[in-house]
Amino acid sequence: MSKKHRLASDINVVPYIDVMLVLLVIFMVTAPLLTQGVKVELPQANSQLIDGKPDDEPLIVSIKADGSLYVNLGDAKETQKPLAEIKEMVKKVVASKPATQVLVWGDHRIEYGKVVALMSQLQGIGVQQVGLVTEPGNG
């Protein structure tokens, strides 16, 4: 008697698992790198929206082209404030709500170093999440 060979009808999922694990690693590495008051001409860039809860409104610190600083807190949102006062205000908000996102609206004409210095100052007072805001564009 001759033995019949049956075709295997199982799907080999090992290659799919390999591809999925590679994609998982890529997304895990790139996810932390993706991070979006006063009238400021924002730079244009293709960027993703920041995920957040609807009731978690971010704190926005704006820096105009002339270097003047503003923060969207209290009644005087359109009033220029010194860096020390803004740091004190942000520090109080972050102390009461540590998960508060702080977004920097930097005018596209301001020197990059001044925006980075502002972000560094905010991180220095304990802000965990500092992001930059851009306008959608073809940048």
N, C-alpha and C. Protein backbone atom coordinates (compact mmCIF):
# COMPACT_ATOMS: atom_id res chain seq x y z
N MET A 1 0.82 -1.18 0.00
CA MET A 1 0.00 0.00 0.00
C MET A 1 0.87 1.25 0.00
N SER A 2 0.44 2.23 -0.79
CA SER A 2 1.22 3.46 -0.86
C SER A 2 0.63 4.49 0.12
N LYS A 3 1.52 5.20 0.71
CA LYS A 3 1.13 6.21 1.69
C LYS A 3 0.80 7.50 0.96
N LYS A 4 -0.35 8.10 1.27
CA LYS A 4 -0.70 9.38 0.64
C LYS A 4 -0.13 10.52 1.48
N HIS A 5 0.43 11.46 0.78
CA HIS A 5 0.96 12.65 1.46
C HIS A 5 -0.11 13.74 1.41
N ARG A 6 -0.44 14.25 2.59
CA ARG A 6 -1.43 15.33 2.65
C ARG A 6 -0.72 16.68 2.62
N LEU A 7 -1.32 17.63 1.96
CA LEU A 7 -0.78 18.99 1.95
C LEU A 7 -1.07 19.64 3.30
N ALA A 8 -0.13 20.39 3.76
CA ALA A 8 -0.32 21.10 5.02
C ALA A 8 -1.17 22.33 4.75
N SER A 9 -2.25 22.48 5.47
CA SER A 9 -3.14 23.62 5.27
C SER A 9 -2.97 24.68 6.35
N ASP A 10 -1.94 24.57 7.16
CA ASP A 10 -1.68 25.54 8.23
C ASP A 10 -0.94 26.75 7.66
N ILE A 11 -1.24 27.88 8.22
CA ILE A 11 -0.56 29.12 7.82
C ILE A 11 0.68 29.27 8.69
N ASN A 12 1.78 29.57 8.07
CA ASN A 12 3.02 29.80 8.80
C ASN A 12 3.02 31.26 9.26
N VAL A 13 2.82 31.49 10.55
CA VAL A 13 2.71 32.85 11.07
C VAL A 13 4.03 33.41 11.60
N VAL A 14 5.07 32.65 11.57
CA VAL A 14 6.36 33.10 12.10
C VAL A 14 6.85 34.36 11.38
N PRO A 15 6.81 34.43 10.05
CA PRO A 15 7.26 35.67 9.39
C PRO A 15 6.41 36.89 9.78
N TYR A 16 5.11 36.69 9.99
CA TYR A 16 4.24 37.79 10.38
C TYR A 16 4.58 38.29 11.79
N ILE A 17 4.90 37.37 12.66
CA ILE A 17 5.29 37.75 14.03
C ILE A 17 6.60 38.53 13.99
N ASP A 18 7.54 38.10 13.16
CA ASP A 18 8.82 38.82 13.04
C ASP A 18 8.59 40.25 12.56
N VAL A 19 7.77 40.41 11.54
CA VAL A 19 7.50 41.75 11.01
C VAL A 19 6.80 42.60 12.05
N MET A 20 5.85 42.02 12.78
CA MET A 20 5.13 42.76 13.80
C MET A 20 6.06 43.21 14.93
N LEU A 21 6.99 42.37 15.33
CA LEU A 21 7.93 42.74 16.38
C LEU A 21 8.86 43.86 15.92
N VAL A 22 9.29 43.80 14.67
CA VAL A 22 10.15 44.87 14.14
C VAL A 22 9.37 46.19 14.13
N LEU A 23 8.11 46.17 13.68
CA LEU A 23 7.30 47.38 13.68
C LEU A 23 7.06 47.91 15.09
N LEU A 24 6.86 47.01 16.04
CA LEU A 24 6.67 47.41 17.42
C LEU A 24 7.90 48.14 17.95
N VAL A 25 9.08 47.62 17.66
CA VAL A 25 10.32 48.25 18.10
C VAL A 25 10.46 49.63 17.45
N ILE A 26 10.16 49.72 16.16
CA ILE A 26 10.27 51.01 15.46
C ILE A 26 9.33 52.03 16.10
N PHE A 27 8.08 51.65 16.37
CA PHE A 27 7.14 52.57 16.97
C PHE A 27 7.53 52.95 18.39
N MET A 28 8.09 52.01 19.13
CA MET A 28 8.52 52.32 20.49
C MET A 28 9.67 53.32 20.50
N VAL A 29 10.55 53.24 19.52
CA VAL A 29 11.69 54.15 19.45
C VAL A 29 11.25 55.53 18.97
N THR A 30 10.36 55.59 17.98
CA THR A 30 9.97 56.88 17.41
C THR A 30 8.88 57.59 18.17
N ALA A 31 8.08 56.92 18.97
CA ALA A 31 6.97 57.55 19.68
C ALA A 31 7.41 58.71 20.58
N PRO A 32 8.47 58.59 21.36
CA PRO A 32 8.87 59.72 22.19
C PRO A 32 9.36 60.93 21.39
N LEU A 33 9.74 60.73 20.14
CA LEU A 33 10.25 61.82 19.32
C LEU A 33 9.13 62.64 18.67
N LEU A 34 7.91 62.12 18.65
CA LEU A 34 6.79 62.80 18.01
C LEU A 34 6.07 63.69 19.02
N THR A 35 6.16 64.64 19.02
CA THR A 35 5.43 65.44 19.95
C THR A 35 4.87 66.64 19.17
N GLN A 36 2.04 69.30 19.44
CA GLN A 36 1.64 70.57 18.71
C GLN A 36 1.26 71.63 19.80
N GLY A 37 -3.63 82.12 22.73
CA GLY A 37 -3.13 83.16 23.58
C GLY A 37 -2.80 84.42 22.81
N VAL A 38 -1.42 84.40 22.64
CA VAL A 38 -0.95 85.64 22.03
C VAL A 38 -0.71 85.37 20.55
N LYS A 39 -0.96 86.38 19.71
CA LYS A 39 -0.77 86.23 18.26
C LYS A 39 0.72 86.09 17.98
N VAL A 40 1.10 84.90 17.52
CA VAL A 40 2.49 84.59 17.20
C VAL A 40 2.49 83.93 15.84
N GLU A 41 3.42 84.29 14.99
CA GLU A 41 3.53 83.64 13.69
C GLU A 41 4.32 82.35 13.89
N LEU A 42 3.58 81.25 13.95
CA LEU A 42 4.19 79.96 14.22
C LEU A 42 4.88 79.43 12.97
N PRO A 43 5.94 78.65 13.15
CA PRO A 43 6.56 78.01 11.99
C PRO A 43 5.64 76.93 11.45
N GLN A 44 5.76 76.65 10.15
CA GLN A 44 4.94 75.62 9.55
C GLN A 44 5.73 74.32 9.50
N ALA A 45 5.04 73.23 9.83
CA ALA A 45 5.67 71.91 9.81
C ALA A 45 4.60 70.85 9.74
N ASN A 46 4.94 69.74 9.14
CA ASN A 46 4.04 68.59 9.17
C ASN A 46 4.26 67.88 10.48
N SER A 47 3.30 67.98 11.37
CA SER A 47 3.46 67.37 12.69
C SER A 47 2.15 66.72 13.11
N GLN A 48 2.26 65.80 14.05
CA GLN A 48 1.10 65.08 14.56
C GLN A 48 0.49 65.86 15.71
N LEU A 49 -0.80 65.70 15.90
CA LEU A 49 -1.48 66.31 17.02
C LEU A 49 -1.07 65.61 18.31
N ILE A 50 -1.06 66.35 19.39
CA ILE A 50 -0.74 65.78 20.69
C ILE A 50 -2.00 65.16 21.26
N ASP A 51 -1.89 63.92 21.70
CA ASP A 51 -3.03 63.26 22.32
C ASP A 51 -3.20 63.79 23.73
N GLY A 52 -4.41 64.05 24.09
CA GLY A 52 -4.69 64.51 25.44
C GLY A 52 -6.16 64.38 25.74
N LYS A 53 -6.49 64.40 27.00
CA LYS A 53 -7.89 64.33 27.40
C LYS A 53 -8.51 65.70 27.14
N PRO A 54 -9.81 65.73 26.80
CA PRO A 54 -10.45 67.01 26.53
C PRO A 54 -10.44 67.97 27.71
N ASP A 55 -10.45 67.45 28.94
CA ASP A 55 -10.47 68.33 30.11
C ASP A 55 -9.06 68.75 30.55
N ASP A 56 -8.03 68.19 29.94
CA ASP A 56 -6.66 68.56 30.26
C ASP A 56 -6.19 69.65 29.30
N GLU A 57 -6.46 70.89 29.64
CA GLU A 57 -6.04 71.99 28.77
C GLU A 57 -4.57 72.29 29.04
N PRO A 58 -3.77 72.38 27.97
CA PRO A 58 -2.35 72.67 28.18
C PRO A 58 -2.13 74.11 28.58
N LEU A 59 -1.01 74.35 29.20
CA LEU A 59 -0.57 75.68 29.57
C LEU A 59 0.30 76.18 28.42
N ILE A 60 0.01 77.36 27.90
CA ILE A 60 0.73 77.86 26.73
C ILE A 60 1.58 79.06 27.11
N VAL A 61 2.88 78.95 26.82
CA VAL A 61 3.82 80.05 27.01
C VAL A 61 4.22 80.51 25.61
N SER A 62 4.02 81.80 25.32
CA SER A 62 4.30 82.33 23.99
C SER A 62 5.52 83.24 24.04
N ILE A 63 6.31 83.17 22.97
CA ILE A 63 7.46 84.06 22.83
C ILE A 63 7.37 84.71 21.45
N LYS A 64 7.26 86.04 21.44
CA LYS A 64 7.11 86.79 20.19
C LYS A 64 8.49 87.00 19.55
N ALA A 65 8.46 87.57 18.34
CA ALA A 65 9.70 87.80 17.59
C ALA A 65 10.66 88.73 18.32
N ASP A 66 10.12 89.65 19.12
CA ASP A 66 10.98 90.58 19.86
C ASP A 66 11.47 90.00 21.18
N GLY A 67 11.09 88.75 21.50
CA GLY A 67 11.54 88.09 22.72
C GLY A 67 10.62 88.28 23.90
N SER A 68 9.50 89.00 23.72
CA SER A 68 8.57 89.20 24.83
C SER A 68 7.82 87.90 25.13
N LEU A 69 7.54 87.67 26.41
CA LEU A 69 6.94 86.42 26.88
C LEU A 69 5.53 86.66 27.40
N TYR A 70 4.66 85.66 27.17
CA TYR A 70 3.26 85.71 27.60
C TYR A 70 2.88 84.32 28.08
N VAL A 71 1.89 84.24 28.96
CA VAL A 71 1.37 82.96 29.43
C VAL A 71 -0.14 83.04 29.48
N ASN A 72 -0.82 81.95 29.13
CA ASN A 72 -2.29 81.96 29.08
C ASN A 72 -2.92 81.61 30.43
N LEU A 73 -2.59 82.37 31.45
CA LEU A 73 -3.14 82.18 32.80
C LEU A 73 -3.74 83.47 33.31
N GLY A 74 -4.81 83.35 34.05
CA GLY A 74 -5.39 84.52 34.71
C GLY A 74 -6.11 85.45 33.75
N ASP A 75 -6.36 86.67 34.24
CA ASP A 75 -7.11 87.66 33.47
C ASP A 75 -6.26 88.36 32.42
N ALA A 76 -4.99 88.50 32.65
CA ALA A 76 -4.12 89.28 31.75
C ALA A 76 -3.36 88.36 30.80
N LYS A 77 -4.09 87.65 29.93
CA LYS A 77 -3.45 86.73 29.00
C LYS A 77 -2.65 87.45 27.92
N GLU A 78 -3.02 88.68 27.63
CA GLU A 78 -2.35 89.44 26.57
C GLU A 78 -1.27 90.36 27.14
N THR A 79 -0.94 90.21 28.42
CA THR A 79 0.03 91.09 29.06
C THR A 79 1.40 90.44 29.08
N GLN A 80 2.40 91.22 28.64
CA GLN A 80 3.77 90.73 28.65
C GLN A 80 4.23 90.56 30.10
N LYS A 81 4.98 89.47 30.33
CA LYS A 81 5.45 89.19 31.69
C LYS A 81 6.94 88.84 31.63
N PRO A 82 7.68 89.15 32.70
CA PRO A 82 9.09 88.74 32.75
C PRO A 82 9.22 87.23 32.97
N LEU A 83 10.34 86.68 32.57
CA LEU A 83 10.58 85.24 32.67
C LEU A 83 10.41 84.74 34.10
N ALA A 84 10.91 85.47 35.07
CA ALA A 84 10.82 85.04 36.47
C ALA A 84 9.37 84.88 36.91
N GLU A 85 8.50 85.81 36.50
CA GLU A 85 7.09 85.75 36.87
C GLU A 85 6.40 84.57 36.17
N ILE A 86 6.73 84.36 34.90
CA ILE A 86 6.15 83.23 34.17
C ILE A 86 6.58 81.92 34.80
N LYS A 87 7.86 81.80 35.15
CA LYS A 87 8.34 80.57 35.79
C LYS A 87 7.60 80.30 37.09
N GLU A 88 7.36 81.36 37.88
CA GLU A 88 6.65 81.20 39.15
C GLU A 88 5.21 80.75 38.93
N MET A 89 4.55 81.34 37.92
CA MET A 89 3.16 80.97 37.62
C MET A 89 3.08 79.51 37.15
N VAL A 90 3.98 79.13 36.24
CA VAL A 90 3.98 77.76 35.70
C VAL A 90 4.31 76.77 36.81
N LYS A 91 5.24 77.14 37.67
CA LYS A 91 5.63 76.26 38.78
C LYS A 91 4.44 75.97 39.69
N LYS A 92 3.62 76.97 39.97
CA LYS A 92 2.44 76.78 40.82
C LYS A 92 1.43 75.85 40.15
N VAL A 93 1.22 76.03 38.85
CA VAL A 93 0.27 75.18 38.14
C VAL A 93 0.75 73.74 38.11
N VAL A 94 2.03 73.53 37.81
CA VAL A 94 2.59 72.18 37.73
C VAL A 94 2.63 71.53 39.11
N ALA A 95 2.81 72.32 40.16
CA ALA A 95 2.81 71.76 41.51
C ALA A 95 1.43 71.20 41.86
N SER A 96 0.37 71.88 41.40
CA SER A 96 -0.98 71.39 41.72
C SER A 96 -1.44 70.31 40.75
N LYS A 97 -0.97 70.36 39.49
CA LYS A 97 -1.33 69.34 38.48
C LYS A 97 -0.06 68.93 37.73
N PRO A 98 0.68 67.95 38.24
CA PRO A 98 1.97 67.57 37.64
C PRO A 98 1.88 67.07 36.20
N ALA A 99 0.74 66.58 35.76
CA ALA A 99 0.62 66.05 34.40
C ALA A 99 0.29 67.13 33.37
N THR A 100 0.29 68.38 33.78
CA THR A 100 -0.04 69.48 32.87
C THR A 100 1.02 69.59 31.77
N GLN A 101 0.55 69.63 30.52
CA GLN A 101 1.46 69.85 29.40
C GLN A 101 1.70 71.34 29.26
N VAL A 102 2.93 71.72 29.01
CA VAL A 102 3.27 73.11 28.75
C VAL A 102 3.73 73.18 27.30
N LEU A 103 3.04 74.01 26.52
CA LEU A 103 3.36 74.16 25.11
C LEU A 103 3.98 75.53 24.88
N VAL A 104 5.02 75.56 24.06
CA VAL A 104 5.69 76.81 23.73
C VAL A 104 5.29 77.23 22.33
N TRP A 105 4.72 78.43 22.23
CA TRP A 105 4.40 79.02 20.93
C TRP A 105 5.53 79.99 20.62
N GLY A 106 6.44 79.56 19.77
CA GLY A 106 7.58 80.40 19.41
C GLY A 106 7.42 80.99 18.03
N ASP A 107 7.52 82.30 17.91
CA ASP A 107 7.44 82.96 16.61
C ASP A 107 8.52 82.41 15.70
N HIS A 108 8.21 82.25 14.42
CA HIS A 108 9.17 81.63 13.51
C HIS A 108 10.37 82.54 13.24
N ARG A 109 10.28 83.82 13.60
CA ARG A 109 11.40 84.74 13.37
C ARG A 109 12.36 84.82 14.55
N ILE A 110 11.99 84.21 15.67
CA ILE A 110 12.86 84.26 16.86
C ILE A 110 14.01 83.29 16.70
N GLU A 111 15.12 83.60 17.31
CA GLU A 111 16.27 82.70 17.26
C GLU A 111 15.92 81.37 17.93
N TYR A 112 16.37 80.30 17.32
CA TYR A 112 16.11 78.95 17.83
C TYR A 112 16.64 78.81 19.26
N GLY A 113 17.78 79.39 19.53
CA GLY A 113 18.39 79.29 20.85
C GLY A 113 17.52 79.87 21.96
N LYS A 114 16.77 80.93 21.65
CA LYS A 114 15.91 81.54 22.66
C LYS A 114 14.73 80.63 23.00
N VAL A 115 14.20 79.94 22.00
CA VAL A 115 13.11 78.99 22.25
C VAL A 115 13.61 77.82 23.08
N VAL A 116 14.79 77.31 22.72
CA VAL A 116 15.38 76.20 23.47
C VAL A 116 15.69 76.63 24.90
N ALA A 117 16.19 77.84 25.07
CA ALA A 117 16.49 78.34 26.42
C ALA A 117 15.21 78.43 27.25
N LEU A 118 14.12 78.88 26.65
CA LEU A 118 12.84 78.95 27.36
C LEU A 118 12.38 77.56 27.76
N MET A 119 12.47 76.61 26.84
CA MET A 119 12.08 75.23 27.16
C MET A 119 12.95 74.66 28.28
N SER A 120 14.22 74.97 28.25
CA SER A 120 15.15 74.50 29.29
C SER A 120 14.79 75.10 30.64
N GLN A 121 14.44 76.39 30.65
CA GLN A 121 14.03 77.04 31.89
C GLN A 121 12.77 76.37 32.46
N LEU A 122 11.83 76.03 31.57
CA LEU A 122 10.59 75.39 32.02
C LEU A 122 10.87 73.99 32.58
N GLN A 123 11.75 73.26 31.93
CA GLN A 123 12.11 71.94 32.43
C GLN A 123 12.85 72.05 33.75
N GLY A 124 13.61 73.11 33.92
CA GLY A 124 14.38 73.32 35.14
C GLY A 124 13.52 73.55 36.37
N ILE A 125 12.28 74.01 36.16
CA ILE A 125 11.40 74.24 37.32
C ILE A 125 10.48 73.06 37.57
N GLY A 126 10.70 71.95 36.84
CA GLY A 126 9.95 70.73 37.12
C GLY A 126 8.87 70.36 36.13
N VAL A 127 8.78 71.05 35.01
CA VAL A 127 7.77 70.70 34.00
C VAL A 127 8.23 69.43 33.30
N GLN A 128 7.37 68.40 33.34
CA GLN A 128 7.72 67.10 32.76
C GLN A 128 7.49 67.05 31.26
N GLN A 129 6.44 67.74 30.78
CA GLN A 129 6.06 67.66 29.37
C GLN A 129 6.09 69.05 28.75
N VAL A 130 7.11 69.33 27.96
CA VAL A 130 7.23 70.59 27.25
C VAL A 130 7.19 70.27 25.76
N GLY A 131 6.33 70.96 25.01
CA GLY A 131 6.22 70.72 23.58
C GLY A 131 6.24 72.02 22.81
N LEU A 132 6.45 71.91 21.50
CA LEU A 132 6.43 73.07 20.61
C LEU A 132 5.17 73.02 19.77
N VAL A 133 4.60 74.18 19.49
CA VAL A 133 3.41 74.26 18.66
C VAL A 133 3.81 74.76 17.29
N THR A 134 3.29 74.10 16.25
CA THR A 134 3.53 74.51 14.86
C THR A 134 2.19 74.61 14.16
N GLU A 135 2.20 75.28 13.01
CA GLU A 135 1.02 75.35 12.17
C GLU A 135 1.15 74.29 11.10
N PRO A 136 0.03 73.68 10.70
CA PRO A 136 0.11 72.71 9.61
C PRO A 136 0.61 73.40 8.35
N GLY A 137 1.48 72.74 7.64
CA GLY A 137 2.02 73.33 6.42
C GLY A 137 2.74 72.29 5.62
N ASN A 138 3.45 72.75 4.64
CA ASN A 138 4.19 71.84 3.78
C ASN A 138 5.67 71.86 4.07
N GLY A 139 6.03 72.17 5.34
CA GLY A 139 7.42 72.29 5.76
C GLY A 139 8.01 71.00 5.90
